[in-house]
């Protein structure tokens, strides 16, 4: 057997094995569902907890399809929710009016049960999931929520039983106290007699002072009438206006106090703090001037409170010759400054000439 024959046989074996494997996959896998004819419908749910692709669709306990797509319902002018696309096998006849109901078990498994429809004819489906008709679905109550509600009911029942037990215990105590009932009734009878006697005394007091009570009530009525006549409509309006003005004035006063708060803060602050308001800065300058004046007055006074004649300022004020000497010194200084100014002008002119013609310095020195 040559090499070409071996290659041919090996190729045929691979082809046959591939065909057999393909048939097995088609027969035992998901491909038979693709080969079956199916119709599509879309169901609108307000919520779809636990629904995934591949969830079974059942009718009367028999699987008739599955969920193939789940998207949010973004249609305009429609309530929020989800659109669940169902693929129904065409071999099962679904009556029109059937309602897909989401059912969830306690362990979390979700199925779509088709409730029997009462319409005439079959449920309308489409061969394409994109343009499938849309119907409304229902969502069954979550068993976990029902279990929570039942738990709360049992808790309330327990509280009720506890209340009944407490009431029974109270009745038992009341029965135990029945022996003291006669004494209680006697005490109540005595109390009733005392109340009757007190009522008789109150009645006699009212009869004796009936005229005074009537007069007092009449005075109260007259005072009330006078008050009503005084508080007529104009008076009430004036009173309301006065109250409104008082409220406005109070508001303005609060605003003024709020505006003056920085000034008050400057006035009450320490000496080394810089004021933030104009008035605060002005007061600080006045304080400085007063302090300087105090220092000057202290320098001008002696220990006895009189003028200190031994000081320099005092001598300048009291001795005229010192003032004349200072004046003469000032005049002399002015004259010296004037002469110095002329010298500076001459020197400036000389410097200008030298800067313009430096050779002019040596002309006179070289001449015989």
Protein backbone atom coordinates (compact mmCIF):
# COMPACT_ATOMS: atom_id res chain seq x y z
CA UNK A 1 0.00 0.00 0.00
CA UNK A 2 1.54 3.24 -1.15
CA UNK A 3 1.51 6.58 0.63
CA UNK A 4 -1.18 8.21 -1.59
CA UNK A 5 -3.73 5.49 -0.71
CA UNK A 6 -3.04 5.97 2.98
CA UNK A 7 -3.60 9.71 2.72
CA UNK A 8 -6.88 9.16 0.82
CA UNK A 9 -8.19 6.74 3.43
CA UNK A 10 -7.17 9.04 6.29
CA UNK A 11 -8.94 11.97 4.65
CA UNK A 12 -12.12 9.96 4.11
CA UNK A 13 -12.05 8.85 7.78
CA UNK A 14 -11.77 12.44 8.96
CA UNK A 15 -14.65 13.56 6.70
CA UNK A 16 -16.93 10.72 7.85
CA UNK A 17 -16.08 11.34 11.52
CA UNK A 18 -16.86 15.05 11.10
CA UNK A 19 -20.22 14.25 9.49
CA UNK A 20 -21.11 11.83 12.29
CA UNK A 21 -20.11 14.38 14.94
CA UNK A 22 -22.20 17.06 13.22
CA UNK A 23 -25.24 14.77 13.13
CA UNK A 24 -24.83 13.97 16.83
CA UNK A 25 -24.60 17.65 17.70
CA UNK A 26 -27.67 18.43 15.60
CA UNK A 27 -29.64 15.56 17.07
CA UNK A 28 -28.74 15.92 20.76
CA UNK A 29 -27.88 19.63 20.97
CA UNK A 30 -29.78 22.89 20.45
CA UNK A 31 -29.93 22.66 16.70
CA UNK A 32 -33.29 20.81 16.57
CA UNK A 33 -34.88 23.86 18.13
CA UNK A 34 -33.42 26.00 15.36
CA UNK A 35 -34.92 23.65 12.80
CA UNK A 36 -38.37 23.82 14.37
CA UNK A 37 -40.83 26.49 13.33
CA UNK A 38 -41.41 29.06 16.07
CA UNK A 39 -43.46 32.21 16.51
CA UNK A 40 -42.35 35.28 18.48
CA UNK A 41 -44.25 37.64 20.74
CA UNK A 42 -43.03 40.44 23.03
CA UNK A 43 -44.45 40.86 26.52
CA UNK A 44 -44.36 44.12 28.51
CA UNK A 45 -43.69 43.76 32.25
CA UNK A 46 -43.33 46.55 34.80
CA UNK A 47 -40.48 44.48 36.25
CA UNK A 48 -38.92 41.12 35.44
CA UNK A 49 -36.86 39.88 38.43
CA UNK A 50 -34.77 36.81 37.67
CA UNK A 51 -35.76 36.51 34.00
CA UNK A 52 -32.91 35.41 31.71
CA UNK A 53 -32.52 33.99 28.24
CA UNK A 54 -33.52 30.35 28.16
CA UNK A 55 -36.21 30.60 30.87
CA UNK A 56 -38.96 28.13 30.05
CA UNK A 57 -42.42 29.19 28.89
CA UNK A 58 -45.07 26.75 30.05
CA UNK A 59 -48.75 26.23 29.45
CA UNK A 60 -50.59 23.96 31.88
CA UNK A 61 -47.20 22.66 33.03
CA UNK A 62 -45.94 21.80 29.51
CA UNK A 63 -42.97 23.60 27.99
CA UNK A 64 -44.12 25.44 24.88
CA UNK A 65 -41.24 27.87 24.36
CA UNK A 66 -38.52 29.93 25.97
CA UNK A 67 -37.28 33.47 26.57
CA UNK A 68 -34.91 34.63 23.82
CA UNK A 69 -34.38 38.35 24.54
CA UNK A 70 -34.81 40.95 27.33
CA UNK A 71 -34.58 44.72 26.72
CA UNK A 72 -35.81 47.88 28.42
CA UNK A 73 -39.04 49.33 27.06
CA UNK A 74 -37.98 52.67 25.55
CA UNK A 75 -41.08 53.26 23.46
CA UNK A 76 -42.30 56.87 23.52
CA UNK A 77 -45.42 57.70 25.55
CA UNK A 78 -45.29 54.29 27.25
CA UNK A 79 -44.73 53.39 30.91
CA UNK A 80 -41.30 52.20 32.00
CA UNK A 81 -40.63 48.50 32.13
CA UNK A 82 -39.02 45.69 30.14
CA UNK A 83 -39.89 43.88 26.94
CA UNK A 84 -39.38 40.11 27.13
CA UNK A 85 -39.33 38.28 23.78
CA UNK A 86 -40.87 34.79 23.89
CA UNK A 87 -40.25 32.12 21.25
CA UNK A 88 -43.31 29.80 21.08
CA UNK A 89 -43.22 26.53 19.19
CA UNK A 90 -45.78 26.54 16.39
CA UNK A 91 -46.91 22.99 17.11
CA UNK A 92 -48.67 24.24 20.25
CA UNK A 93 -51.84 26.21 19.71
CA UNK A 94 -52.07 29.18 22.06
CA UNK A 95 -55.52 30.78 22.29
CA UNK A 96 -55.88 34.53 21.90
CA UNK A 97 -56.16 36.37 25.23
CA UNK A 98 -53.57 34.19 27.00
CA UNK A 99 -51.58 36.20 29.57
CA UNK A 100 -47.88 35.42 30.21
CA UNK A 101 -47.43 35.50 33.98
CA UNK A 102 -44.01 35.55 35.67
CA UNK A 103 -43.86 33.07 38.53
CA UNK A 104 -40.98 32.84 40.99
CA UNK A 105 -40.47 30.01 43.44
CA UNK A 106 -39.03 30.26 46.94
CA UNK A 107 -35.63 28.99 45.74
CA UNK A 108 -35.45 31.65 43.02
CA UNK A 109 -36.46 29.66 39.89
CA UNK A 110 -38.44 31.75 37.39
CA UNK A 111 -40.91 30.49 34.79
CA UNK A 112 -43.36 32.13 32.42
CA UNK A 113 -46.81 30.52 32.70
CA UNK A 114 -49.37 31.18 29.96
CA UNK A 115 -52.72 31.67 31.66
CA UNK A 116 -55.60 30.27 29.59
CA UNK A 117 -57.13 32.79 27.21
CA UNK A 118 -60.82 33.30 26.54
CA UNK A 119 -60.56 34.98 23.14
CA UNK A 120 -61.59 33.49 19.82
CA UNK A 121 -58.82 32.28 17.54
CA UNK A 122 -55.13 31.79 18.13
CA UNK A 123 -52.57 34.16 19.65
CA UNK A 124 -51.01 36.36 16.98
CA UNK A 125 -47.24 35.80 16.62
CA UNK A 126 -44.49 36.87 14.22
CA UNK A 127 -41.78 34.97 12.39
CA UNK A 128 -39.19 37.63 13.39
CA UNK A 129 -38.47 38.73 16.99
CA UNK A 130 -37.83 42.35 15.96
CA UNK A 131 -41.39 43.08 14.74
CA UNK A 132 -43.25 40.71 17.07
CA UNK A 133 -46.56 42.01 18.50
CA UNK A 134 -46.52 43.35 22.07
CA UNK A 135 -48.96 42.17 24.77
CA UNK A 136 -49.24 42.92 28.48
CA UNK A 137 -48.04 40.41 31.05
CA UNK A 138 -48.47 39.91 34.77
CA UNK A 139 -45.98 39.41 37.60
CA UNK A 140 -46.95 37.02 40.37
CA UNK A 141 -46.38 37.97 43.98
CA UNK A 142 -42.89 37.23 45.20
CA UNK A 143 -43.15 34.25 47.61
CA UNK A 144 -40.44 35.77 49.81
CA UNK A 145 -42.54 38.93 50.27
CA UNK A 146 -45.61 36.82 51.02
CA UNK A 147 -43.56 34.88 53.56
CA UNK A 148 -42.47 38.17 55.18
CA UNK A 149 -46.10 39.33 55.35
CA UNK A 150 -47.12 35.99 56.89
CA UNK A 151 -44.31 36.34 59.40
CA UNK A 152 -45.58 39.78 60.40
CA UNK A 153 -49.12 38.37 60.71
CA UNK A 154 -47.86 35.64 63.01
CA UNK A 155 -45.96 38.22 65.06
CA UNK A 156 -49.13 40.30 65.40
CA UNK A 157 -51.05 37.15 66.37
CA UNK A 158 -48.46 36.51 69.05
CA UNK A 159 -48.92 40.04 70.37
CA UNK A 160 -52.69 39.51 70.38
CA UNK A 161 -52.34 36.29 72.36
CA UNK A 162 -50.07 38.09 74.79
CA UNK A 163 -52.68 40.82 75.21
CA UNK A 164 -55.38 38.20 75.83
CA UNK A 165 -53.19 36.56 78.46
CA UNK A 166 -52.63 39.90 80.18
CA UNK A 167 -56.40 40.57 80.13
CA UNK A 168 -57.03 37.12 81.63
CA UNK A 169 -54.47 37.83 84.35
CA UNK A 170 -56.23 41.14 85.08
CA UNK A 171 -59.59 39.36 85.36
CA UNK A 172 -57.98 36.85 87.69
CA UNK A 173 -56.71 39.66 89.92
CA UNK A 174 -60.14 41.28 89.81
CA UNK A 175 -61.76 38.03 90.91
CA UNK A 176 -59.24 37.77 93.73
CA UNK A 177 -60.23 41.25 94.85
CA UNK A 178 -63.96 40.48 94.77
CA UNK A 179 -63.86 39.85 98.51
CA UNK A 180 -63.11 43.53 99.07
CA UNK A 181 -66.00 44.65 96.88
CA UNK A 182 -68.40 45.13 99.81
CA UNK A 183 -66.02 47.49 101.57
CA UNK A 184 -65.51 49.38 98.33
CA UNK A 185 -69.26 49.77 97.86
CA UNK A 186 -69.64 51.04 101.44
CA UNK A 187 -66.89 53.59 100.88
CA UNK A 188 -68.52 54.67 97.62
CA UNK A 189 -71.87 55.08 99.37
CA UNK A 190 -70.28 57.24 102.07
CA UNK A 191 -68.54 59.33 99.41
CA UNK A 192 -71.87 59.80 97.62
CA UNK A 193 -73.48 61.04 100.82
CA UNK A 194 -70.62 63.49 101.39
CA UNK A 195 -70.94 64.78 97.85
CA UNK A 196 -74.69 65.23 98.35
CA UNK A 197 -74.08 67.24 101.53
CA UNK A 198 -71.46 69.35 99.72
CA UNK A 199 -73.85 70.01 96.85
CA UNK A 200 -76.52 71.15 99.31
CA UNK A 201 -74.05 73.56 100.90
CA UNK A 202 -73.00 74.89 97.50
CA UNK A 203 -76.63 75.36 96.52
CA UNK A 204 -77.41 77.27 99.70
CA UNK A 205 -74.34 79.49 99.17
CA UNK A 206 -75.47 80.28 95.63
CA UNK A 207 -78.99 81.08 96.82
CA UNK A 208 -77.66 83.43 99.50
CA UNK A 209 -75.31 85.28 97.11
CA UNK A 210 -77.44 85.09 93.98
CA UNK A 211 -77.92 88.88 93.83
CA UNK A 212 -74.19 89.55 94.14
CA UNK A 213 -73.38 86.96 91.48
CA UNK A 214 -75.91 88.50 89.08
CA UNK A 215 -74.47 91.97 89.71
CA UNK A 216 -70.94 90.72 89.09
CA UNK A 217 -71.99 89.06 85.85
CA UNK A 218 -73.74 92.26 84.79
CA UNK A 219 -70.57 94.28 85.47
CA UNK A 220 -68.53 91.83 83.44
CA UNK A 221 -71.02 92.14 80.58
CA UNK A 222 -70.84 95.96 80.72
CA UNK A 223 -67.04 95.89 80.68
CA UNK A 224 -67.13 93.52 77.69
CA UNK A 225 -69.58 95.80 75.86
CA UNK A 226 -67.41 98.86 76.59
CA UNK A 227 -64.36 97.08 75.30
CA UNK A 228 -66.18 96.02 72.14
CA UNK A 229 -67.40 99.59 71.56
CA UNK A 230 -63.91 100.96 72.12
CA UNK A 231 -62.27 98.52 69.73
CA UNK A 232 -64.30 99.56 66.70
CA UNK A 233 -63.10 99.06 63.11
CA UNK A 234 -61.04 102.31 62.87
CA UNK A 235 -59.42 101.65 66.24
CA UNK A 236 -58.56 98.11 65.22
CA UNK A 237 -57.08 99.38 61.93
CA UNK A 238 -55.04 102.00 63.78
CA UNK A 239 -53.85 99.36 66.24
CA UNK A 240 -52.84 97.06 63.37
CA UNK A 241 -51.02 99.94 61.65
CA UNK A 242 -49.17 100.82 64.87
CA UNK A 243 -48.15 97.19 65.35
CA UNK A 244 -46.94 97.02 61.72
CA UNK A 245 -44.91 100.23 62.13
CA UNK A 246 -43.47 98.92 65.39
CA UNK A 247 -42.45 95.72 63.61
CA UNK A 248 -40.86 97.74 60.77
CA UNK A 249 -39.00 99.95 63.25
CA UNK A 250 -37.79 96.87 65.08
CA UNK A 251 -36.52 95.44 61.79
CA UNK A 252 -34.71 98.67 60.96
CA UNK A 253 -33.20 98.78 64.43
CA UNK A 254 -31.95 95.22 63.99
CA UNK A 255 -30.44 96.21 60.62
CA UNK A 256 -28.77 99.28 62.13
CA UNK A 257 -27.34 97.22 64.98
CA UNK A 258 -26.06 94.68 62.46
CA UNK A 259 -24.43 97.49 60.43
CA UNK A 260 -22.87 98.97 63.59
CA UNK A 261 -21.51 95.61 64.71
CA UNK A 262 -18.05 96.15 63.04
CA UNK A 263 -17.77 99.59 64.75
CA UNK A 264 -18.64 98.10 68.14
CA UNK A 265 -16.08 95.41 67.53
CA UNK A 266 -13.41 98.04 66.75
CA UNK A 267 -14.32 100.06 69.85
CA UNK A 268 -14.06 97.02 72.09
CA UNK A 269 -10.91 95.56 70.52
CA UNK A 270 -7.37 95.69 71.94
CA UNK A 271 -5.04 98.67 71.38
CA UNK A 272 -2.67 96.76 69.07
CA UNK A 273 -5.50 95.70 66.70
CA UNK A 274 -5.96 97.68 63.47
CA UNK A 275 -9.55 99.01 63.13
CA UNK A 276 -11.58 98.02 60.06
CA UNK A 277 -14.00 100.98 59.97
CA UNK A 278 -13.40 104.66 59.20
CA UNK A 279 -14.75 105.82 62.55
CA UNK A 280 -12.57 103.28 64.35
CA UNK A 281 -9.47 104.52 62.53
CA UNK A 282 -10.44 108.15 63.31
CA UNK A 283 -10.83 107.37 66.99
CA UNK A 284 -7.47 105.60 66.94
CA UNK A 285 -5.82 108.71 65.42
CA UNK A 286 -7.49 110.90 68.05
CA UNK A 287 -6.16 108.57 70.75
CA UNK A 288 -2.65 108.87 69.30
CA UNK A 289 -2.91 112.69 69.15
CA UNK A 290 -4.13 112.76 72.76
CA UNK A 291 -1.26 110.48 73.77
CA UNK A 292 1.28 112.74 72.00
CA UNK A 293 -0.26 115.82 73.62
CA UNK A 294 -0.03 114.12 76.99
CA UNK A 295 3.65 113.34 76.40
CA UNK A 296 4.27 116.97 75.37
CA UNK A 297 2.43 118.35 78.40
CA UNK A 298 4.36 116.00 80.68
CA UNK A 299 7.57 117.33 79.17
CA UNK A 300 6.46 120.93 79.75
CA UNK A 301 5.38 120.38 83.40
CA UNK A 302 7.48 119.95 86.45
CA UNK A 303 6.75 117.76 89.45
CA UNK A 304 4.70 120.54 91.13
CA UNK A 305 2.38 120.80 88.11
CA UNK A 306 3.78 124.16 86.93
CA UNK A 307 5.74 125.05 83.79
CA UNK A 308 9.17 123.45 83.69
CA UNK A 309 11.57 126.33 82.93
CA UNK A 310 14.63 124.10 82.79
CA UNK A 311 13.62 122.25 79.63
CA UNK A 312 14.71 123.05 76.10
CA UNK A 313 11.21 123.72 74.81
CA UNK A 314 10.38 125.83 77.84
CA UNK A 315 13.55 127.95 77.37
CA UNK A 316 12.72 128.39 73.72
CA UNK A 317 9.26 129.64 74.69
CA UNK A 318 10.33 131.84 77.64
CA UNK A 319 13.77 133.20 76.59
CA UNK A 320 13.63 135.48 73.56
CA UNK A 321 17.39 135.52 72.97
CA UNK A 322 17.37 131.80 72.20
CA UNK A 323 14.71 132.37 69.60
CA UNK A 324 16.70 135.29 68.13
CA UNK A 325 19.84 133.15 68.05
CA UNK A 326 17.98 130.39 66.26
CA UNK A 327 16.53 132.95 63.83
CA UNK A 328 20.00 134.44 63.19
CA UNK A 329 21.38 130.93 62.69
CA UNK A 330 18.63 130.19 60.22
CA UNK A 331 19.36 133.43 58.28
CA UNK A 332 23.07 132.62 58.18
CA UNK A 333 22.30 129.11 56.98
CA UNK A 334 20.11 130.54 54.20
CA UNK A 335 22.91 132.91 53.11
CA UNK A 336 25.43 130.09 53.14
CA UNK A 337 23.12 127.95 51.07
CA UNK A 338 22.65 130.82 48.56
CA UNK A 339 26.42 131.23 48.17
CA UNK A 340 26.83 127.49 47.88
CA UNK A 341 24.14 127.49 45.18
CA UNK A 342 26.17 130.13 43.20
CA UNK A 343 29.32 128.04 43.56
CA UNK A 344 27.48 124.97 42.34
CA UNK A 345 26.18 126.91 39.31
CA UNK A 346 29.72 128.09 38.46
CA UNK A 347 31.08 124.60 38.87
CA UNK A 348 28.31 123.23 36.63
CA UNK A 349 29.19 125.80 33.91
CA UNK A 350 32.89 124.88 34.18
CA UNK A 351 32.04 121.18 33.92
CA UNK A 352 29.89 121.82 30.86
CA UNK A 353 32.72 123.73 29.11
CA UNK A 354 35.23 121.00 29.93
CA UNK A 355 32.87 118.32 28.69
CA UNK A 356 32.35 120.21 25.42
CA UNK A 357 36.05 121.05 24.86
CA UNK A 358 38.46 119.12 27.13
CA UNK A 359 41.51 120.69 25.37
CA UNK A 360 40.61 124.13 26.71
CA UNK A 361 42.16 123.23 30.09
CA UNK A 362 45.66 122.95 28.61
CA UNK A 363 45.57 126.13 26.45
CA UNK A 364 46.49 128.57 29.16
CA UNK A 365 49.03 126.24 30.81
CA UNK A 366 51.19 125.91 27.64
CA UNK A 367 51.27 129.62 26.79
CA UNK A 368 54.42 131.63 28.05
